[in-house]
Amino acid sequence: MQIVIVTGLSGAGKSTALRALEDVEFFCVDNIPVPMVSALVERMAQEGDFDKLAIAIDSRQRRHLLAWREQLTTLRGAGHRLEVLFLEANDEVLLRRFSETRRRHPLSGDDLADGVRRDREVMTELRQGAALVDTSNLNMHQLKAIIQDRYARQGRLAVTMVSFGFKHGLPVEFNLVFDVRFLPNPYFEASLTHRDGRDPEVARYVFASGEGMQMVEHIERLLRFALPHFQSEGKLYVTIAVGCTGGRHRSVAVIEELRRRLAGEWDILVRHRDVDRGE
């Protein structure tokens, strides 16, 4: 069986991840006691009705978590394809999410911050060796897309490419960021200023001097080197950000050219954050 153990910090998105897996035909079980996990898997494998299983486990189990390593050893010894997916977020985001939803943290009494701290301590063992997803800067729709890209497409790394304007601020989420403000700027050409980098005329202007295409080639070589290593480290998604002044012309053209070069090898999602805001 293909088994995904969905775990992590309370408030980091386990329920969203479980629903996303259910949508791609995983049979999902929420918070079964850890000592019972291998027995459940064995029973389902014998019946043969399901070949994909997702099990959510969190700190509500407390003392049952002591059986965690034993259960992993049993499952792997039985030959199942097993991955542990650990969802986390920073303390500020977790506190905000619980405050906004008015839900009680499972490990807190009257002190929400203490519950978040204790949760992080309790879940340290399950985090070791897991595939990590930091949901601090993801909404539920983005998290769902990442999970489904991962498990509906046989584990390929999901690569998001974002164009942006520095004057509007750096994106909160990125693994690599590139500054292309040194390239020729179509904003100062009357015939191009109201178009954007998806327009072939704008792209030709950006790349006409040769420096733009050289920059793309340098980024492409770096990504071809780095992306396989990101994937081998267990990352589910990587965000590449390219910025110019306003995020309308140069960064957009560079992102579109990178998409054209790499789309056949990676699952690429492109987002032009500031394309409608202008220079």
Protein backbone atom coordinates (compact mmCIF):
# COMPACT_ATOMS: atom_id res chain seq x y z
CA MET A 1 0.00 0.00 0.00
CA GLN A 2 0.97 3.63 -0.41
CA ILE A 3 0.73 5.14 3.07
CA VAL A 4 1.01 8.81 4.02
CA ILE A 5 1.22 9.68 7.71
CA VAL A 6 -0.05 13.26 8.04
CA THR A 7 1.24 14.82 11.22
CA GLY A 8 2.58 18.09 12.57
CA LEU A 9 1.62 20.99 14.79
CA SER A 10 -1.96 21.77 15.73
CA GLY A 11 -3.19 24.58 13.51
CA ALA A 12 -0.66 23.90 10.74
CA GLY A 13 -3.20 22.44 8.30
CA LYS A 14 -3.54 18.69 8.90
CA SER A 15 -7.29 18.71 8.27
CA THR A 16 -6.80 20.52 4.96
CA ALA A 17 -4.07 18.08 3.95
CA LEU A 18 -6.25 15.09 4.81
CA ARG A 19 -9.14 16.45 2.73
CA ALA A 20 -6.76 17.06 -0.18
CA LEU A 21 -5.56 13.46 -0.02
CA GLU A 22 -9.14 12.21 0.14
CA ASP A 23 -9.81 14.10 -3.09
CA VAL A 24 -7.04 12.13 -4.84
CA GLU A 25 -8.48 8.78 -3.74
CA PHE A 26 -6.68 8.12 -0.47
CA PHE A 27 -8.69 6.36 2.24
CA CYS A 28 -8.27 8.74 5.19
CA VAL A 29 -8.31 8.00 8.92
CA ASP A 30 -8.08 10.81 11.48
CA ASN A 31 -6.06 10.30 14.67
CA ILE A 32 -6.28 6.56 15.16
CA PRO A 33 -4.23 5.59 18.28
CA VAL A 34 -0.63 5.03 17.21
CA PRO A 35 -0.37 1.45 18.61
CA MET A 36 -3.26 0.44 16.33
CA VAL A 37 -1.81 1.80 13.08
CA SER A 38 0.00 -1.34 11.87
CA ALA A 39 -3.02 -3.53 12.68
CA LEU A 40 -5.28 -1.23 10.64
CA VAL A 41 -2.89 -1.30 7.69
CA GLU A 42 -2.58 -5.09 7.83
CA ARG A 43 -6.36 -5.51 7.86
CA MET A 44 -6.84 -3.15 4.93
CA ALA A 45 -4.04 -4.79 2.95
CA GLN A 46 -5.65 -8.20 3.46
CA GLU A 47 -9.05 -7.00 2.30
CA GLY A 48 -7.48 -5.38 -0.78
CA ASP A 49 -10.16 -2.71 -1.24
CA PHE A 50 -7.73 0.21 -0.95
CA ASP A 51 -4.14 0.72 -2.07
CA LYS A 52 -3.71 4.30 -0.82
CA LEU A 53 -4.10 5.18 2.85
CA ALA A 54 -3.59 8.46 4.74
CA ILE A 55 -3.52 8.56 8.53
CA ALA A 56 -3.51 11.78 10.55
CA ILE A 57 -1.69 11.72 13.90
CA ASP A 58 -1.21 14.63 16.29
CA SER A 59 -0.31 15.55 19.84
CA ARG A 60 -3.75 14.76 21.21
CA GLN A 61 -2.47 11.19 21.57
CA ARG A 62 0.26 12.17 24.03
CA ARG A 63 1.41 8.85 25.62
CA HIS A 64 0.47 6.80 22.54
CA LEU A 65 3.19 8.63 20.61
CA LEU A 66 5.78 6.53 22.47
CA ALA A 67 4.89 3.67 20.10
CA TRP A 68 5.70 5.75 17.01
CA ARG A 69 9.08 4.29 15.98
CA GLU A 70 7.92 0.72 16.56
CA GLN A 71 4.94 1.25 14.26
CA LEU A 72 7.11 2.78 11.53
CA THR A 73 9.49 -0.17 11.68
CA THR A 74 6.60 -2.63 11.41
CA LEU A 75 5.05 -0.86 8.42
CA ARG A 76 8.31 -0.55 6.52
CA GLY A 77 9.20 -4.14 7.31
CA ALA A 78 5.92 -5.24 5.72
CA GLY A 79 7.00 -3.62 2.42
CA HIS A 80 4.55 -0.71 2.31
CA ARG A 81 5.50 2.55 0.60
CA LEU A 82 5.48 4.93 3.52
CA GLU A 83 6.01 8.68 3.82
CA VAL A 84 5.64 10.87 6.88
CA LEU A 85 4.41 14.38 6.06
CA PHE A 86 4.98 16.91 8.84
CA LEU A 87 3.15 20.26 8.68
CA GLU A 88 4.47 23.16 10.71
CA ALA A 89 4.18 26.94 11.00
CA ASN A 90 5.79 29.63 13.10
CA ASP A 91 4.39 30.43 16.54
CA GLU A 92 2.96 33.81 15.51
CA VAL A 93 0.90 32.24 12.73
CA LEU A 94 -0.33 29.36 14.91
CA LEU A 95 -1.42 31.77 17.64
CA ARG A 96 -3.26 33.93 15.10
CA ARG A 97 -5.04 30.93 13.55
CA PHE A 98 -6.33 29.68 16.89
CA SER A 99 -7.39 33.19 17.90
CA GLU A 100 -9.24 33.77 14.62
CA THR A 101 -11.07 30.43 14.67
CA ARG A 102 -11.72 30.61 18.44
CA ARG A 103 -10.75 26.96 18.73
CA ARG A 104 -9.15 25.60 21.86
CA HIS A 105 -5.61 24.30 21.46
CA PRO A 106 -5.52 20.61 22.47
CA LEU A 107 -2.52 21.12 24.80
CA SER A 108 -3.36 24.52 26.28
CA GLY A 109 -5.13 25.34 29.49
CA ASP A 110 -5.63 29.06 29.87
CA ASP A 111 -2.39 29.91 28.06
CA LEU A 112 -2.52 29.46 24.27
CA ALA A 113 1.17 30.29 23.82
CA ASP A 114 2.12 27.58 26.33
CA GLY A 115 0.00 25.07 24.38
CA VAL A 116 1.81 25.90 21.14
CA ARG A 117 5.18 25.52 22.88
CA ARG A 118 4.25 22.16 24.43
CA ASP A 119 2.87 20.93 21.10
CA ARG A 120 6.19 21.68 19.40
CA GLU A 121 8.04 19.75 22.12
CA VAL A 122 5.71 16.73 22.00
CA MET A 123 5.92 16.44 18.21
CA THR A 124 9.73 16.64 17.95
CA GLU A 125 10.06 12.85 17.57
CA LEU A 126 7.58 12.67 14.69
CA ARG A 127 9.32 15.53 12.88
CA GLN A 128 12.62 13.67 12.57
CA GLY A 129 13.09 12.22 9.10
CA ALA A 130 9.72 13.51 7.82
CA ALA A 131 9.00 15.50 4.67
CA LEU A 132 8.44 19.03 5.96
CA VAL A 133 5.95 21.64 4.76
CA ASP A 134 5.93 25.07 6.39
CA THR A 135 2.40 26.45 6.00
CA SER A 136 3.12 29.84 7.62
CA ASN A 137 2.63 31.69 4.33
CA LEU A 138 0.12 29.35 2.68
CA ASN A 139 -3.64 29.61 2.62
CA MET A 140 -5.76 26.45 2.59
CA HIS A 141 -6.12 26.47 -1.20
CA GLN A 142 -2.36 26.73 -1.75
CA LEU A 143 -1.70 23.92 0.74
CA LYS A 144 -4.29 21.72 -0.93
CA ALA A 145 -2.67 22.32 -4.34
CA ILE A 146 0.77 21.42 -2.97
CA ILE A 147 -0.48 18.20 -1.39
CA GLN A 148 -2.34 17.12 -4.51
CA ASP A 149 0.60 18.00 -6.77
CA ARG A 150 2.77 15.82 -4.55
CA TYR A 151 0.58 12.75 -4.26
CA ALA A 152 -1.47 12.84 -7.43
CA ARG A 153 1.63 13.25 -9.62
CA GLN A 154 3.82 10.50 -8.17
CA GLY A 155 6.00 12.65 -5.95
CA ARG A 156 7.29 15.23 -8.41
CA LEU A 157 8.56 18.46 -6.90
CA ALA A 158 6.09 21.34 -7.35
CA VAL A 159 7.92 24.48 -8.51
CA THR A 160 6.22 27.87 -8.16
CA MET A 161 7.72 30.79 -10.09
CA VAL A 162 6.68 34.26 -8.92
CA SER A 163 7.35 37.60 -10.62
CA PHE A 164 7.13 40.65 -8.37
CA GLY A 165 8.04 44.34 -8.04
CA PHE A 166 10.58 45.34 -5.40
CA LYS A 167 8.71 48.58 -4.76
CA HIS A 168 5.74 46.50 -3.62
CA GLY A 169 7.89 44.40 -1.26
CA LEU A 170 9.53 41.00 -1.41
CA PRO A 171 7.25 37.96 -1.52
CA VAL A 172 6.96 36.39 1.92
CA GLU A 173 7.56 32.92 0.53
CA PHE A 174 10.60 32.09 -1.60
CA ASN A 175 13.55 29.70 -1.68
CA LEU A 176 15.55 31.62 -4.28
CA VAL A 177 15.15 35.26 -5.38
CA PHE A 178 16.71 37.01 -8.38
CA ASP A 179 16.94 40.77 -9.09
CA VAL A 180 16.63 41.72 -12.79
CA ARG A 181 16.38 45.50 -12.39
CA PHE A 182 19.59 45.92 -14.40
CA LEU A 183 17.87 44.79 -17.61
CA PRO A 184 16.48 47.29 -20.18
CA ASN A 185 13.16 48.61 -18.91
CA PRO A 186 10.19 48.65 -21.36
CA TYR A 187 8.40 51.06 -19.03
CA PHE A 188 10.26 53.94 -20.66
CA GLU A 189 9.11 53.01 -24.16
CA ALA A 190 5.78 54.67 -24.96
CA SER A 191 4.60 51.75 -27.12
CA LEU A 192 5.37 49.18 -24.40
CA THR A 193 4.73 50.88 -21.09
CA HIS A 194 1.08 49.76 -20.86
CA ARG A 195 1.81 46.16 -21.86
CA ASP A 196 3.41 43.50 -19.66
CA GLY A 197 6.13 40.87 -19.96
CA ARG A 198 3.80 38.25 -21.42
CA ASP A 199 3.58 40.36 -24.59
CA PRO A 200 6.08 39.13 -27.24
CA GLU A 201 7.13 42.72 -28.06
CA VAL A 202 7.95 43.43 -24.43
CA ALA A 203 9.91 40.17 -24.14
CA ARG A 204 11.90 40.98 -27.28
CA TYR A 205 12.81 44.37 -25.82
CA VAL A 206 13.94 42.84 -22.51
CA PHE A 207 16.11 40.23 -24.22
CA ALA A 208 17.36 42.33 -27.17
CA SER A 209 20.64 43.39 -25.54
CA GLY A 210 21.67 39.82 -24.78
CA GLU A 211 22.00 40.45 -21.03
CA GLY A 212 18.44 39.32 -20.40
CA MET A 213 18.93 35.98 -22.14
CA GLN A 214 22.26 35.50 -20.37
CA MET A 215 20.50 36.05 -17.03
CA VAL A 216 17.85 33.49 -17.92
CA GLU A 217 20.53 30.98 -18.88
CA HIS A 218 22.38 31.52 -15.59
CA ILE A 219 19.16 31.02 -13.58
CA GLU A 220 18.25 27.98 -15.65
CA ARG A 221 21.62 26.33 -14.96
CA LEU A 222 21.30 27.04 -11.25
CA LEU A 223 17.77 25.59 -11.13
CA ARG A 224 18.77 22.48 -13.05
CA PHE A 225 21.44 21.96 -10.42
CA ALA A 226 19.39 22.89 -7.35
CA LEU A 227 15.91 21.46 -7.99
CA PRO A 228 16.95 17.77 -7.91
CA HIS A 229 18.71 18.43 -4.60
CA PHE A 230 15.63 20.16 -3.18
CA GLN A 231 13.59 17.08 -4.13
CA SER A 232 16.10 14.60 -2.70
CA GLU A 233 15.92 16.47 0.62
CA GLY A 234 12.20 15.71 0.79
CA LYS A 235 10.87 19.16 -0.15
CA LEU A 236 7.38 19.08 -1.64
CA TYR A 237 7.51 22.55 -3.18
CA VAL A 238 10.02 25.26 -4.07
CA THR A 239 9.30 28.91 -4.81
CA ILE A 240 11.52 30.86 -7.22
CA ALA A 241 11.01 34.65 -7.18
CA VAL A 242 12.21 37.11 -9.85
CA GLY A 243 11.85 40.82 -9.20
CA CYS A 244 12.11 44.07 -11.15
CA THR A 245 11.02 47.57 -10.12
CA GLY A 246 7.26 47.29 -10.51
CA GLY A 247 6.76 43.61 -11.36
CA ARG A 248 5.11 44.26 -14.72
CA HIS A 249 7.70 43.94 -17.49
CA ARG A 250 11.18 42.50 -16.92
CA SER A 251 10.48 40.00 -14.15
CA VAL A 252 7.39 38.74 -15.97
CA ALA A 253 9.32 38.20 -19.21
CA VAL A 254 12.09 36.32 -17.39
CA ILE A 255 9.63 34.07 -15.55
CA GLU A 256 7.78 33.25 -18.78
CA GLU A 257 11.05 32.31 -20.50
CA LEU A 258 12.07 30.10 -17.56
CA ARG A 259 8.65 28.43 -17.68
CA ARG A 260 9.13 27.69 -21.38
CA ARG A 261 12.54 26.12 -20.76
CA LEU A 262 11.70 24.02 -17.66
CA ALA A 263 8.02 23.08 -17.92
CA GLY A 264 8.71 19.74 -19.58
CA GLU A 265 10.83 18.55 -16.66
CA TRP A 266 9.08 19.98 -13.59
CA ASP A 267 5.54 20.73 -12.47
CA ILE A 268 5.58 24.52 -12.86
CA LEU A 269 3.02 26.95 -11.42
CA VAL A 270 3.51 30.60 -12.48
CA ARG A 271 2.17 33.57 -10.52
CA HIS A 272 2.67 37.18 -11.63
CA ARG A 273 2.02 38.91 -8.32
CA ASP A 274 2.17 42.56 -9.37
CA VAL A 275 1.49 42.47 -13.09
CA ASP A 276 -1.68 44.55 -12.75
CA ARG A 277 -0.17 47.16 -10.43
CA GLY A 278 2.25 48.83 -12.88
CA GLU A 279 5.77 50.23 -12.46
